[in-house]
Each structure stands twice: as C-alpha cells, then as structure tokens.
C-alpha cells in the first residue's frame, strides 16, 4: 500500500507529501529489515531511497524542511544503511550492497548537510582552515575515503567521483567558502586525478569544463 500511495502522490504532483511518506516507508522498512533480517525488505528500502534522492536532488535540498521532526530520523536511518554497506562482515555486506546503491545514501545525507550549511554558514570565525570545511563537503571526502578502500568509487564509470565534482565545484565561488576554498581544492584535485586515471577520454572532456571553472 505504501508503494502505491507514494507513486500516486508523485504522479499527482504532491511532491512534499511524496517525500514525507517515502521517509516514513523507509523508516518502517528499515525497522522491519533489522527486526526480521529478511532480504525481502531491501527492495522496499531501495524504493524509498530512490524517491527521496530524486526529490531532493531535482526539487532542491530545501525540500527536506518538509520532514520537520522526522529529519533526524531519516539521518539515523541513512547512517544505519551506510553502516551495513561498509560493514566488514562479508555475509552481511553481501545481503545489502548488491541491491542498495551506496551513492544514493551518501547523496541524501550530503543534501541534508548542505541544507544545514546553507542555513548556518558561520565558518569564518573558526581558526583552522580544515575545520572550516563545511559538513557537507567533509561528508563527501569521508565517503570517498571509505569507498576508495575497496576501489568502489570508480565503479559505474566513476559515478560517485563525478557526483563529488558536480556537487562541490559549482559552490566553490560562493563567498561563504572563501575561508576554506584552498583546502577544498586539494581534495578536488585528488578526485580529478582519479577521474583522469580511470575514466578515459570521456572523463578528460568532462573534466576540462570543471578545471576551467576551478582555475578562472
């Protein structure tokens, strides 16, 4: 019933309501999965994640404001998903990682933190430049480090690496990032290097545009 309701809300243009029920269904599915340890719930988790990710990436991250008190619940559920996906227990990992894309979870969490950064951007008064990195940026760099251990950041034509570039580079010229821009560029250059090493000619064309944005 949840899936039918969510699909109907989306098709009728009730985007906020669709997001609210998608989050509720994700939470219900997560609780059911951990209680029963039944892989059948993975499809429901993936279904909910796909709607949440699509709504906040296409409609704007301010959409998360509609979740109000349940936003912290969504964050906790995403953290639980990532804990499973990054778990060293091979058996547990096999049950989840093949069917839930790591990128979706990181993308949702990134957009939530980006929204917080946009509302509370008091970075200038922090003395250490690395500490002035916005929480949303630090999340992506941390995700890259974790995924890099298994070289999964280069999978699917480097989809996650490209996501980092698309997410961070357009924001770099915003005044709120003046105090940490040089530090961010150090990380970005590492991502660009990996793209160049792994994505071939298409990557070079893709990266030319970003290098132009960075250094002009």
N, C-alpha and C. Protein backbone atom coordinates (compact mmCIF):
# COMPACT_ATOMS: atom_id res chain seq x y z
N UNK A 1 0.82 -1.22 0.00
CA UNK A 1 0.00 0.00 0.00
C UNK A 1 0.85 1.26 0.00
N UNK A 2 1.96 1.22 0.76
CA UNK A 2 2.85 2.38 0.82
C UNK A 2 3.36 2.74 -0.57
N UNK A 3 3.80 1.73 -1.32
CA UNK A 3 4.35 1.98 -2.65
C UNK A 3 3.31 2.62 -3.57
N UNK A 4 2.10 2.10 -3.53
CA UNK A 4 1.03 2.64 -4.37
C UNK A 4 0.74 4.09 -3.99
N UNK A 5 0.70 4.37 -2.68
CA UNK A 5 0.44 5.74 -2.21
C UNK A 5 1.54 6.69 -2.66
N UNK A 6 2.79 6.28 -2.50
CA UNK A 6 3.93 7.12 -2.88
C UNK A 6 3.90 7.42 -4.39
N UNK A 7 3.65 6.39 -5.18
CA UNK A 7 3.60 6.58 -6.63
C UNK A 7 2.46 7.51 -7.04
N UNK A 8 1.31 7.38 -6.37
CA UNK A 8 0.16 8.24 -6.66
C UNK A 8 0.45 9.69 -6.30
N UNK A 9 1.08 9.90 -5.14
CA UNK A 9 1.43 11.26 -4.71
C UNK A 9 2.38 11.91 -5.71
N UNK A 10 3.34 11.12 -6.19
CA UNK A 10 4.31 11.66 -7.16
C UNK A 10 3.62 12.02 -8.48
N UNK A 11 2.78 11.11 -8.96
CA UNK A 11 2.12 11.33 -10.25
C UNK A 11 1.13 12.50 -10.21
N UNK A 12 0.59 12.80 -9.03
CA UNK A 12 -0.36 13.92 -8.91
C UNK A 12 0.32 15.21 -8.51
N UNK A 13 1.65 15.21 -8.47
CA UNK A 13 2.40 16.43 -8.21
C UNK A 13 2.48 16.85 -6.75
N UNK A 14 2.10 15.96 -5.84
CA UNK A 14 2.17 16.28 -4.41
C UNK A 14 3.54 15.85 -3.89
N UNK A 15 4.54 16.67 -4.24
CA UNK A 15 5.93 16.28 -4.02
C UNK A 15 6.29 16.22 -2.55
N UNK A 16 5.89 17.23 -1.78
CA UNK A 16 6.22 17.23 -0.35
C UNK A 16 5.61 16.03 0.36
N UNK A 17 4.34 15.76 0.04
CA UNK A 17 3.68 14.61 0.66
C UNK A 17 4.36 13.31 0.24
N UNK A 18 4.82 13.27 -1.01
CA UNK A 18 5.53 12.10 -1.51
C UNK A 18 6.82 11.88 -0.72
N UNK A 19 7.54 12.96 -0.44
CA UNK A 19 8.77 12.88 0.34
C UNK A 19 8.48 12.41 1.76
N UNK A 20 7.44 12.97 2.36
CA UNK A 20 7.08 12.62 3.74
C UNK A 20 6.76 11.13 3.86
N UNK A 21 5.95 10.62 2.94
CA UNK A 21 5.58 9.20 3.01
C UNK A 21 6.73 8.29 2.60
N UNK A 22 7.61 8.77 1.71
CA UNK A 22 8.79 7.98 1.35
C UNK A 22 9.70 7.79 2.55
N UNK A 23 9.85 8.87 3.33
CA UNK A 23 10.67 8.77 4.55
C UNK A 23 10.03 7.82 5.55
N UNK A 24 8.71 7.90 5.70
CA UNK A 24 8.01 7.01 6.64
C UNK A 24 8.15 5.55 6.22
N UNK A 25 8.03 5.31 4.91
CA UNK A 25 8.15 3.95 4.40
C UNK A 25 9.58 3.43 4.56
N UNK A 26 10.56 4.32 4.36
CA UNK A 26 11.96 3.92 4.57
C UNK A 26 12.17 3.50 6.01
N UNK A 27 11.66 4.31 6.95
CA UNK A 27 11.84 4.00 8.36
C UNK A 27 11.17 2.68 8.72
N UNK A 28 9.95 2.49 8.25
CA UNK A 28 9.23 1.24 8.50
C UNK A 28 9.98 0.05 7.91
N UNK A 29 10.50 0.21 6.70
CA UNK A 29 11.23 -0.88 6.04
C UNK A 29 12.53 -1.20 6.76
N UNK A 30 13.21 -0.13 7.24
CA UNK A 30 14.45 -0.34 7.98
C UNK A 30 14.20 -1.11 9.27
N UNK A 31 13.17 -0.69 10.01
CA UNK A 31 12.85 -1.39 11.25
C UNK A 31 12.50 -2.85 10.98
N UNK A 32 11.73 -3.08 9.94
CA UNK A 32 11.32 -4.44 9.60
C UNK A 32 12.52 -5.29 9.18
N UNK A 33 13.42 -4.68 8.41
CA UNK A 33 14.61 -5.41 7.95
C UNK A 33 15.48 -5.85 9.12
N UNK A 34 15.75 -4.92 10.03
CA UNK A 34 16.64 -5.25 11.16
C UNK A 34 15.96 -6.19 12.16
N UNK A 35 14.64 -6.12 12.22
CA UNK A 35 13.91 -7.00 13.14
C UNK A 35 13.84 -8.42 12.60
N UNK A 36 13.58 -8.54 11.30
CA UNK A 36 13.37 -9.85 10.69
C UNK A 36 14.61 -10.40 9.99
N UNK A 37 15.56 -9.47 9.65
CA UNK A 37 16.74 -9.83 8.84
C UNK A 37 16.31 -10.55 7.56
N UNK A 38 15.24 -10.02 6.97
CA UNK A 38 14.67 -10.60 5.76
C UNK A 38 15.04 -9.73 4.57
N UNK A 39 15.76 -10.33 3.62
CA UNK A 39 16.22 -9.58 2.46
C UNK A 39 15.11 -9.03 1.59
N UNK A 40 13.87 -9.51 1.81
CA UNK A 40 12.74 -9.01 1.01
C UNK A 40 12.50 -7.52 1.26
N UNK A 41 12.93 -7.02 2.42
CA UNK A 41 12.73 -5.61 2.73
C UNK A 41 13.72 -4.71 1.99
N UNK A 42 14.77 -5.29 1.43
CA UNK A 42 15.78 -4.48 0.73
C UNK A 42 15.16 -3.75 -0.45
N UNK A 43 14.25 -4.41 -1.16
CA UNK A 43 13.58 -3.77 -2.29
C UNK A 43 12.79 -2.55 -1.83
N UNK A 44 12.14 -2.64 -0.68
CA UNK A 44 11.37 -1.52 -0.14
C UNK A 44 12.28 -0.37 0.27
N UNK A 45 13.44 -0.72 0.85
CA UNK A 45 14.41 0.30 1.23
C UNK A 45 14.93 1.03 -0.01
N UNK A 46 15.27 0.27 -1.04
CA UNK A 46 15.76 0.86 -2.28
C UNK A 46 14.70 1.73 -2.94
N UNK A 47 13.47 1.27 -2.90
CA UNK A 47 12.34 2.03 -3.47
C UNK A 47 12.21 3.38 -2.78
N UNK A 48 12.23 3.38 -1.46
CA UNK A 48 12.11 4.64 -0.70
C UNK A 48 13.29 5.56 -0.96
N UNK A 49 14.49 4.99 -0.95
CA UNK A 49 15.69 5.80 -1.19
C UNK A 49 15.64 6.48 -2.55
N UNK A 50 15.16 5.75 -3.56
CA UNK A 50 15.14 6.31 -4.92
C UNK A 50 14.23 7.54 -4.99
N UNK A 51 13.09 7.50 -4.32
CA UNK A 51 12.18 8.65 -4.32
C UNK A 51 12.76 9.81 -3.52
N UNK A 52 13.31 9.51 -2.35
CA UNK A 52 13.89 10.57 -1.52
C UNK A 52 15.03 11.26 -2.25
N UNK A 53 15.92 10.45 -2.82
CA UNK A 53 17.07 11.02 -3.55
C UNK A 53 16.60 11.88 -4.72
N UNK A 54 15.67 11.35 -5.51
CA UNK A 54 15.23 12.08 -6.70
C UNK A 54 14.55 13.40 -6.33
N UNK A 55 13.74 13.38 -5.29
CA UNK A 55 13.02 14.60 -4.90
C UNK A 55 13.98 15.68 -4.43
N UNK A 56 14.91 15.33 -3.56
CA UNK A 56 15.77 16.39 -3.00
C UNK A 56 16.85 16.84 -3.98
N UNK A 57 17.18 16.01 -4.98
CA UNK A 57 18.18 16.44 -5.96
C UNK A 57 17.57 17.20 -7.13
N UNK A 58 16.30 16.97 -7.42
CA UNK A 58 15.66 17.66 -8.55
C UNK A 58 14.79 18.83 -8.10
N UNK A 59 14.24 18.75 -6.90
CA UNK A 59 13.35 19.80 -6.42
C UNK A 59 14.06 20.79 -5.49
N UNK A 60 15.29 20.48 -5.09
CA UNK A 60 16.04 21.36 -4.20
C UNK A 60 16.14 20.78 -2.80
N UNK A 61 17.31 20.98 -2.16
CA UNK A 61 17.51 20.37 -0.84
C UNK A 61 16.66 21.01 0.24
N UNK A 62 16.04 22.18 -0.06
CA UNK A 62 15.14 22.79 0.92
C UNK A 62 13.89 21.93 1.14
N UNK A 63 13.69 20.95 0.26
CA UNK A 63 12.55 20.04 0.41
C UNK A 63 12.63 19.26 1.73
N UNK A 64 13.85 19.07 2.24
CA UNK A 64 13.97 18.29 3.48
C UNK A 64 13.31 19.00 4.66
N UNK A 65 13.09 20.31 4.52
CA UNK A 65 12.42 21.05 5.60
C UNK A 65 11.01 20.51 5.86
N UNK A 66 10.41 19.90 4.83
CA UNK A 66 9.06 19.36 4.97
C UNK A 66 9.00 18.19 5.95
N UNK A 67 10.15 17.56 6.20
CA UNK A 67 10.18 16.41 7.11
C UNK A 67 10.13 16.82 8.57
N UNK A 68 10.49 18.08 8.85
CA UNK A 68 10.43 18.63 10.21
C UNK A 68 11.10 17.70 11.22
N UNK A 69 10.35 17.24 12.22
CA UNK A 69 10.95 16.43 13.28
C UNK A 69 11.46 15.08 12.82
N UNK A 70 11.01 14.61 11.67
CA UNK A 70 11.44 13.30 11.17
C UNK A 70 12.75 13.37 10.38
N UNK A 71 13.30 14.58 10.23
CA UNK A 71 14.56 14.70 9.50
C UNK A 71 15.69 13.98 10.23
N UNK A 72 15.73 14.12 11.55
CA UNK A 72 16.78 13.43 12.32
C UNK A 72 16.60 11.92 12.23
N UNK A 73 15.36 11.46 12.13
CA UNK A 73 15.10 10.02 11.96
C UNK A 73 15.63 9.54 10.62
N UNK A 74 15.46 10.35 9.57
CA UNK A 74 15.99 9.99 8.26
C UNK A 74 17.50 9.90 8.30
N UNK A 75 18.14 10.86 8.95
CA UNK A 75 19.60 10.85 9.07
C UNK A 75 20.06 9.56 9.76
N UNK A 76 19.39 9.18 10.83
CA UNK A 76 19.77 7.97 11.55
C UNK A 76 19.58 6.73 10.69
N UNK A 77 18.49 6.69 9.93
CA UNK A 77 18.26 5.54 9.05
C UNK A 77 19.33 5.45 7.96
N UNK A 78 19.72 6.60 7.41
CA UNK A 78 20.77 6.61 6.39
C UNK A 78 22.09 6.13 6.98
N UNK A 79 22.38 6.59 8.19
CA UNK A 79 23.61 6.15 8.87
C UNK A 79 23.60 4.64 9.09
N UNK A 80 22.44 4.10 9.46
CA UNK A 80 22.33 2.65 9.65
C UNK A 80 22.55 1.90 8.34
N UNK A 81 22.02 2.45 7.25
CA UNK A 81 22.23 1.83 5.94
C UNK A 81 23.71 1.81 5.59
N UNK A 82 24.36 2.96 5.77
CA UNK A 82 25.78 3.06 5.44
C UNK A 82 26.62 2.15 6.33
N UNK A 83 26.22 2.01 7.59
CA UNK A 83 26.94 1.12 8.50
C UNK A 83 26.91 -0.32 7.97
N UNK A 84 25.74 -0.72 7.44
CA UNK A 84 25.63 -2.07 6.86
C UNK A 84 26.47 -2.19 5.60
N UNK A 85 26.40 -1.18 4.75
CA UNK A 85 27.11 -1.24 3.48
C UNK A 85 28.62 -1.24 3.66
N UNK A 86 29.09 -0.61 4.75
CA UNK A 86 30.53 -0.51 4.99
C UNK A 86 31.01 -1.54 5.99
N UNK A 87 30.11 -2.41 6.44
CA UNK A 87 30.45 -3.40 7.45
C UNK A 87 31.47 -4.39 6.91
N UNK A 88 32.42 -4.74 7.75
CA UNK A 88 33.46 -5.69 7.33
C UNK A 88 32.94 -7.13 7.29
N UNK A 89 31.77 -7.36 7.88
CA UNK A 89 31.18 -8.70 7.87
C UNK A 89 30.74 -9.02 6.45
N UNK A 90 31.45 -9.91 5.78
CA UNK A 90 31.21 -10.20 4.36
C UNK A 90 29.80 -10.70 4.13
N UNK A 91 29.30 -11.54 5.05
CA UNK A 91 27.97 -12.11 4.86
C UNK A 91 26.91 -11.02 4.88
N UNK A 92 27.04 -10.10 5.86
CA UNK A 92 26.06 -9.02 5.96
C UNK A 92 26.17 -8.10 4.75
N UNK A 93 27.40 -7.84 4.34
CA UNK A 93 27.63 -6.94 3.22
C UNK A 93 27.00 -7.50 1.94
N UNK A 94 27.14 -8.80 1.74
CA UNK A 94 26.61 -9.43 0.54
C UNK A 94 25.10 -9.28 0.45
N UNK A 95 24.45 -9.30 1.58
CA UNK A 95 22.99 -9.21 1.61
C UNK A 95 22.48 -7.83 1.19
N UNK A 96 23.31 -6.82 1.36
CA UNK A 96 22.80 -5.45 1.14
C UNK A 96 23.46 -4.71 0.00
N UNK A 97 24.77 -4.82 -0.14
CA UNK A 97 25.49 -3.92 -1.04
C UNK A 97 25.15 -4.13 -2.50
N UNK A 98 24.74 -5.34 -2.87
CA UNK A 98 24.42 -5.60 -4.26
C UNK A 98 23.13 -4.92 -4.69
N UNK A 99 22.26 -4.62 -3.73
CA UNK A 99 20.93 -4.15 -4.08
C UNK A 99 20.63 -2.73 -3.63
N UNK A 100 21.43 -2.17 -2.76
CA UNK A 100 21.25 -0.78 -2.34
C UNK A 100 22.48 -0.01 -2.79
N UNK A 101 22.29 0.96 -3.63
CA UNK A 101 23.43 1.73 -4.12
C UNK A 101 23.99 2.60 -2.99
N UNK A 102 25.29 2.50 -2.79
CA UNK A 102 25.93 3.33 -1.78
C UNK A 102 25.75 4.80 -2.09
N UNK A 103 25.83 5.13 -3.38
CA UNK A 103 25.76 6.54 -3.79
C UNK A 103 24.48 7.21 -3.33
N UNK A 104 23.35 6.49 -3.41
CA UNK A 104 22.07 7.09 -3.04
C UNK A 104 22.07 7.54 -1.58
N UNK A 105 22.61 6.70 -0.71
CA UNK A 105 22.64 7.04 0.71
C UNK A 105 23.54 8.24 0.97
N UNK A 106 24.73 8.24 0.36
CA UNK A 106 25.64 9.38 0.54
C UNK A 106 25.02 10.65 -0.04
N UNK A 107 24.33 10.52 -1.18
CA UNK A 107 23.73 11.69 -1.83
C UNK A 107 22.67 12.33 -0.95
N UNK A 108 21.82 11.52 -0.36
CA UNK A 108 20.77 12.04 0.51
C UNK A 108 21.38 12.73 1.73
N UNK A 109 22.34 12.06 2.36
CA UNK A 109 22.96 12.63 3.55
C UNK A 109 23.70 13.92 3.21
N UNK A 110 24.37 13.95 2.06
CA UNK A 110 25.06 15.16 1.62
C UNK A 110 24.09 16.33 1.49
N UNK A 111 22.95 16.10 0.86
CA UNK A 111 21.99 17.19 0.65
C UNK A 111 21.39 17.69 1.96
N UNK A 112 21.22 16.79 2.92
CA UNK A 112 20.73 17.21 4.24
C UNK A 112 21.75 18.13 4.91
N UNK A 113 23.02 17.72 4.86
CA UNK A 113 24.07 18.53 5.48
C UNK A 113 24.29 19.83 4.73
N UNK A 114 24.14 19.79 3.39
CA UNK A 114 24.28 21.01 2.60
C UNK A 114 23.21 22.03 2.99
N UNK A 115 22.00 21.54 3.23
CA UNK A 115 20.93 22.42 3.67
C UNK A 115 21.27 23.08 5.01
N UNK A 116 21.86 22.29 5.91
CA UNK A 116 22.28 22.83 7.20
C UNK A 116 23.39 23.86 7.02
N UNK A 117 24.33 23.57 6.11
CA UNK A 117 25.42 24.52 5.84
C UNK A 117 24.88 25.83 5.31
N UNK A 118 23.88 25.76 4.44
CA UNK A 118 23.32 26.96 3.84
C UNK A 118 22.59 27.83 4.87
N UNK A 119 22.01 27.17 5.86
CA UNK A 119 21.29 27.92 6.91
C UNK A 119 22.25 28.45 7.96
N UNK A 120 23.24 27.64 8.32
CA UNK A 120 24.21 28.02 9.38
C UNK A 120 25.61 28.03 8.79
N UNK A 121 26.01 29.12 8.15
CA UNK A 121 27.31 29.17 7.49
C UNK A 121 28.29 30.08 8.23
N UNK A 122 28.48 29.80 9.52
CA UNK A 122 29.41 30.57 10.33
C UNK A 122 30.78 29.89 10.33
N UNK A 123 31.48 29.97 9.19
CA UNK A 123 32.75 29.27 9.04
C UNK A 123 33.96 30.19 9.23
N UNK A 124 33.76 31.48 9.09
CA UNK A 124 34.88 32.42 9.06
C UNK A 124 35.59 32.50 10.40
N UNK A 125 34.88 32.38 11.51
CA UNK A 125 35.46 32.58 12.83
C UNK A 125 36.24 31.37 13.34
N UNK A 126 36.26 30.28 12.58
CA UNK A 126 36.99 29.09 13.00
C UNK A 126 38.44 29.23 12.56
N UNK A 127 39.43 29.16 13.50
CA UNK A 127 40.83 29.45 13.14
C UNK A 127 41.46 28.45 12.17
N UNK A 128 41.17 27.16 12.32
CA UNK A 128 41.82 26.14 11.49
C UNK A 128 41.08 25.99 10.17
N UNK A 129 41.84 26.06 9.05
CA UNK A 129 41.20 26.04 7.73
C UNK A 129 40.50 24.71 7.47
N UNK A 130 41.10 23.61 7.88
CA UNK A 130 40.47 22.32 7.64
C UNK A 130 39.17 22.21 8.43
N UNK A 131 39.15 22.77 9.63
CA UNK A 131 37.94 22.74 10.45
C UNK A 131 36.84 23.60 9.85
N UNK A 132 37.24 24.54 8.97
CA UNK A 132 36.24 25.41 8.34
C UNK A 132 35.55 24.74 7.15
N UNK A 133 35.99 23.53 6.79
CA UNK A 133 35.30 22.82 5.71
C UNK A 133 33.85 22.58 6.10
N UNK A 134 32.91 22.91 5.23
CA UNK A 134 31.50 22.65 5.54
C UNK A 134 31.27 21.17 5.79
N UNK A 135 30.29 20.86 6.64
CA UNK A 135 29.99 19.46 6.97
C UNK A 135 29.64 18.65 5.73
N UNK A 136 28.94 19.28 4.77
CA UNK A 136 28.55 18.58 3.55
C UNK A 136 29.76 18.19 2.72
N UNK A 137 30.76 19.06 2.64
CA UNK A 137 31.98 18.75 1.90
C UNK A 137 32.76 17.64 2.60
N UNK A 138 32.88 17.75 3.94
CA UNK A 138 33.63 16.73 4.69
C UNK A 138 32.99 15.36 4.52
N UNK A 139 31.67 15.34 4.44
CA UNK A 139 30.98 14.07 4.25
C UNK A 139 31.40 13.40 2.95
N UNK A 140 31.43 14.16 1.85
CA UNK A 140 31.79 13.59 0.56
C UNK A 140 33.24 13.11 0.55
N UNK A 141 34.12 13.87 1.18
CA UNK A 141 35.52 13.46 1.21
C UNK A 141 35.69 12.21 2.08
N UNK A 142 34.93 12.11 3.16
CA UNK A 142 34.97 10.92 4.00
C UNK A 142 34.42 9.71 3.24
N UNK A 143 33.31 9.93 2.53
CA UNK A 143 32.72 8.86 1.72
C UNK A 143 33.73 8.37 0.69
N UNK A 144 34.43 9.31 0.09
CA UNK A 144 35.43 8.95 -0.92
C UNK A 144 36.53 8.10 -0.31
N UNK A 145 36.95 8.44 0.91
CA UNK A 145 38.00 7.66 1.57
C UNK A 145 37.53 6.24 1.85
N UNK A 146 36.30 6.09 2.36
CA UNK A 146 35.77 4.76 2.66
C UNK A 146 35.63 3.93 1.38
N UNK A 147 35.04 4.55 0.35
CA UNK A 147 34.82 3.81 -0.89
C UNK A 147 36.12 3.52 -1.60
N UNK A 148 37.11 4.39 -1.39
CA UNK A 148 38.40 4.19 -2.02
C UNK A 148 39.12 2.94 -1.53
N UNK A 149 38.82 2.51 -0.30
CA UNK A 149 39.47 1.32 0.25
C UNK A 149 39.13 0.07 -0.55
N UNK A 150 37.94 0.04 -1.10
CA UNK A 150 37.53 -1.11 -1.92
C UNK A 150 37.51 -0.75 -3.41
N UNK A 151 38.00 0.46 -3.73
CA UNK A 151 38.03 0.97 -5.10
C UNK A 151 36.63 1.04 -5.72
N UNK A 152 35.62 1.13 -4.89
CA UNK A 152 34.25 1.20 -5.40
C UNK A 152 33.88 2.60 -5.88
N UNK A 153 34.71 3.60 -5.58
CA UNK A 153 34.40 4.97 -6.00
C UNK A 153 34.54 5.13 -7.52
N UNK A 154 35.22 4.19 -8.18
CA UNK A 154 35.39 4.29 -9.63
C UNK A 154 34.40 3.42 -10.40
N UNK A 155 33.50 2.75 -9.68
CA UNK A 155 32.51 1.90 -10.35
C UNK A 155 31.50 2.74 -11.11
N UNK A 156 30.79 2.11 -12.03
CA UNK A 156 29.75 2.78 -12.82
C UNK A 156 30.28 4.05 -13.49
N UNK A 157 31.42 3.89 -14.15
CA UNK A 157 32.06 5.00 -14.86
C UNK A 157 32.38 6.16 -13.92
N UNK A 158 32.78 5.81 -12.70
CA UNK A 158 33.16 6.85 -11.75
C UNK A 158 32.00 7.74 -11.34
N UNK A 159 30.81 7.15 -11.23
CA UNK A 159 29.60 7.93 -10.95
C UNK A 159 29.74 8.74 -9.67
N UNK A 160 30.30 8.12 -8.62
CA UNK A 160 30.41 8.86 -7.36
C UNK A 160 31.45 9.97 -7.44
N UNK A 161 32.55 9.73 -8.14
CA UNK A 161 33.55 10.78 -8.33
C UNK A 161 32.94 11.97 -9.07
N UNK A 162 32.16 11.66 -10.10
CA UNK A 162 31.52 12.73 -10.85
C UNK A 162 30.50 13.47 -9.99
N UNK A 163 29.83 12.74 -9.10
CA UNK A 163 28.88 13.37 -8.20
C UNK A 163 29.60 14.37 -7.28
N UNK A 164 30.78 14.00 -6.79
CA UNK A 164 31.55 14.92 -5.93
C UNK A 164 31.86 16.21 -6.70
N UNK A 165 32.31 16.05 -7.95
CA UNK A 165 32.66 17.23 -8.75
C UNK A 165 31.44 18.09 -9.03
N UNK A 166 30.34 17.45 -9.41
CA UNK A 166 29.12 18.21 -9.72
C UNK A 166 28.57 18.92 -8.48
N UNK A 167 28.77 18.32 -7.32
CA UNK A 167 28.21 18.88 -6.09
C UNK A 167 29.02 20.04 -5.55
N UNK A 168 30.34 19.90 -5.59
CA UNK A 168 31.20 20.87 -4.90
C UNK A 168 31.64 22.03 -5.79
N UNK A 169 32.06 21.73 -7.01
CA UNK A 169 32.68 22.77 -7.84
C UNK A 169 31.75 23.96 -8.11
N UNK A 170 30.47 23.76 -8.43
CA UNK A 170 29.62 24.93 -8.65
C UNK A 170 29.46 25.81 -7.41
N UNK A 171 29.75 25.25 -6.24
CA UNK A 171 29.60 26.02 -5.00
C UNK A 171 30.86 26.79 -4.62
N UNK A 172 31.98 26.49 -5.28
CA UNK A 172 33.27 26.99 -4.80
C UNK A 172 33.40 28.50 -4.80
N UNK A 173 32.71 29.19 -5.71
CA UNK A 173 32.87 30.64 -5.79
C UNK A 173 31.92 31.38 -4.85
N UNK A 174 31.11 30.65 -4.09
CA UNK A 174 30.21 31.31 -3.14
C UNK A 174 31.05 31.93 -2.01
N UNK A 175 30.72 33.16 -1.60
CA UNK A 175 31.52 33.85 -0.56
C UNK A 175 31.65 33.05 0.74
N UNK A 176 30.65 32.24 1.07
CA UNK A 176 30.71 31.51 2.34
C UNK A 176 31.84 30.49 2.37
N UNK A 177 32.43 30.17 1.19
CA UNK A 177 33.51 29.19 1.14
C UNK A 177 34.88 29.84 0.94
N UNK A 178 34.95 31.18 1.03
CA UNK A 178 36.23 31.88 0.84
C UNK A 178 37.30 31.38 1.81
N UNK A 179 36.89 31.11 3.05
CA UNK A 179 37.86 30.80 4.10
C UNK A 179 38.43 29.38 4.01
N UNK A 180 37.83 28.52 3.17
CA UNK A 180 38.32 27.14 3.11
C UNK A 180 38.53 26.66 1.67
N UNK A 181 38.47 27.59 0.71
CA UNK A 181 38.50 27.20 -0.70
C UNK A 181 39.79 26.45 -1.06
N UNK A 182 40.94 26.94 -0.58
CA UNK A 182 42.21 26.30 -0.93
C UNK A 182 42.26 24.86 -0.45
N UNK A 183 41.72 24.62 0.74
CA UNK A 183 41.73 23.27 1.28
C UNK A 183 40.81 22.36 0.47
N UNK A 184 39.68 22.90 0.06
CA UNK A 184 38.74 22.11 -0.76
C UNK A 184 39.40 21.72 -2.07
N UNK A 185 40.14 22.67 -2.66
CA UNK A 185 40.78 22.40 -3.95
C UNK A 185 41.78 21.25 -3.86
N UNK A 186 42.42 21.09 -2.71
CA UNK A 186 43.35 19.97 -2.55
C UNK A 186 42.62 18.64 -2.71
N UNK A 187 41.45 18.55 -2.10
CA UNK A 187 40.66 17.32 -2.22
C UNK A 187 40.16 17.14 -3.65
N UNK A 188 39.68 18.23 -4.23
CA UNK A 188 39.11 18.16 -5.58
C UNK A 188 40.17 17.70 -6.59
N UNK A 189 41.39 18.16 -6.42
CA UNK A 189 42.46 17.76 -7.34
C UNK A 189 42.73 16.26 -7.25
N UNK A 190 42.57 15.69 -6.04
CA UNK A 190 42.72 14.23 -5.91
C UNK A 190 41.62 13.49 -6.68
N UNK A 191 40.40 14.02 -6.60
CA UNK A 191 39.27 13.40 -7.30
C UNK A 191 39.48 13.51 -8.81
N UNK A 192 39.93 14.67 -9.26
CA UNK A 192 40.17 14.87 -10.68
C UNK A 192 41.26 13.90 -11.19
N UNK A 193 42.29 13.72 -10.38
CA UNK A 193 43.36 12.80 -10.77
C UNK A 193 42.81 11.38 -10.95
N UNK A 194 41.98 10.94 -9.99
CA UNK A 194 41.39 9.60 -10.09
C UNK A 194 40.51 9.47 -11.32
N UNK A 195 39.76 10.52 -11.62
CA UNK A 195 38.92 10.50 -12.81
C UNK A 195 39.76 10.35 -14.06
N UNK A 196 40.83 11.10 -14.12
CA UNK A 196 41.70 11.04 -15.30
C UNK A 196 42.32 9.66 -15.46
N UNK A 197 42.63 9.01 -14.33
CA UNK A 197 43.27 7.70 -14.37
C UNK A 197 42.31 6.57 -14.73
N UNK A 198 41.02 6.77 -14.44
CA UNK A 198 40.09 5.65 -14.54
C UNK A 198 38.98 5.80 -15.57
N UNK A 199 38.71 7.03 -16.03
CA UNK A 199 37.52 7.21 -16.87
C UNK A 199 37.80 7.42 -18.35
N UNK A 200 39.08 7.48 -18.74
CA UNK A 200 39.40 7.55 -20.16
C UNK A 200 39.09 8.89 -20.81
N UNK A 201 38.91 8.86 -22.15
CA UNK A 201 38.75 10.08 -22.94
C UNK A 201 37.50 10.88 -22.56
N UNK A 202 36.41 10.17 -22.28
CA UNK A 202 35.19 10.88 -21.90
C UNK A 202 35.41 11.69 -20.63
N UNK A 203 36.21 11.15 -19.73
CA UNK A 203 36.50 11.85 -18.49
C UNK A 203 37.28 13.13 -18.76
N UNK A 204 38.22 13.06 -19.70
CA UNK A 204 39.04 14.25 -19.99
C UNK A 204 38.16 15.39 -20.50
N UNK A 205 37.20 15.07 -21.35
CA UNK A 205 36.28 16.10 -21.85
C UNK A 205 35.44 16.64 -20.69
N UNK A 206 34.95 15.73 -19.84
CA UNK A 206 34.14 16.10 -18.69
C UNK A 206 34.92 17.00 -17.74
N UNK A 207 36.20 16.65 -17.51
CA UNK A 207 37.00 17.37 -16.53
C UNK A 207 37.49 18.71 -17.03
N UNK A 208 37.63 18.88 -18.32
CA UNK A 208 38.08 20.17 -18.86
C UNK A 208 37.16 21.29 -18.41
N UNK A 209 35.86 21.03 -18.45
CA UNK A 209 34.89 22.05 -18.03
C UNK A 209 35.07 22.40 -16.56
N UNK A 210 35.31 21.41 -15.72
CA UNK A 210 35.45 21.66 -14.30
C UNK A 210 36.75 22.36 -13.96
N UNK A 211 37.83 21.98 -14.65
CA UNK A 211 39.11 22.64 -14.40
C UNK A 211 39.04 24.11 -14.83
N UNK A 212 38.26 24.40 -15.87
CA UNK A 212 38.06 25.79 -16.28
C UNK A 212 37.35 26.58 -15.19
N UNK A 213 36.34 25.95 -14.59
CA UNK A 213 35.57 26.62 -13.53
C UNK A 213 36.46 26.87 -12.33
N UNK A 214 37.27 25.88 -11.95
CA UNK A 214 38.10 25.99 -10.75
C UNK A 214 39.15 27.09 -10.87
N UNK A 215 39.82 27.14 -12.00
CA UNK A 215 41.00 27.99 -12.08
C UNK A 215 40.76 29.33 -12.78
N UNK A 216 39.49 29.73 -12.95
CA UNK A 216 39.18 31.05 -13.51
C UNK A 216 38.46 31.88 -12.49
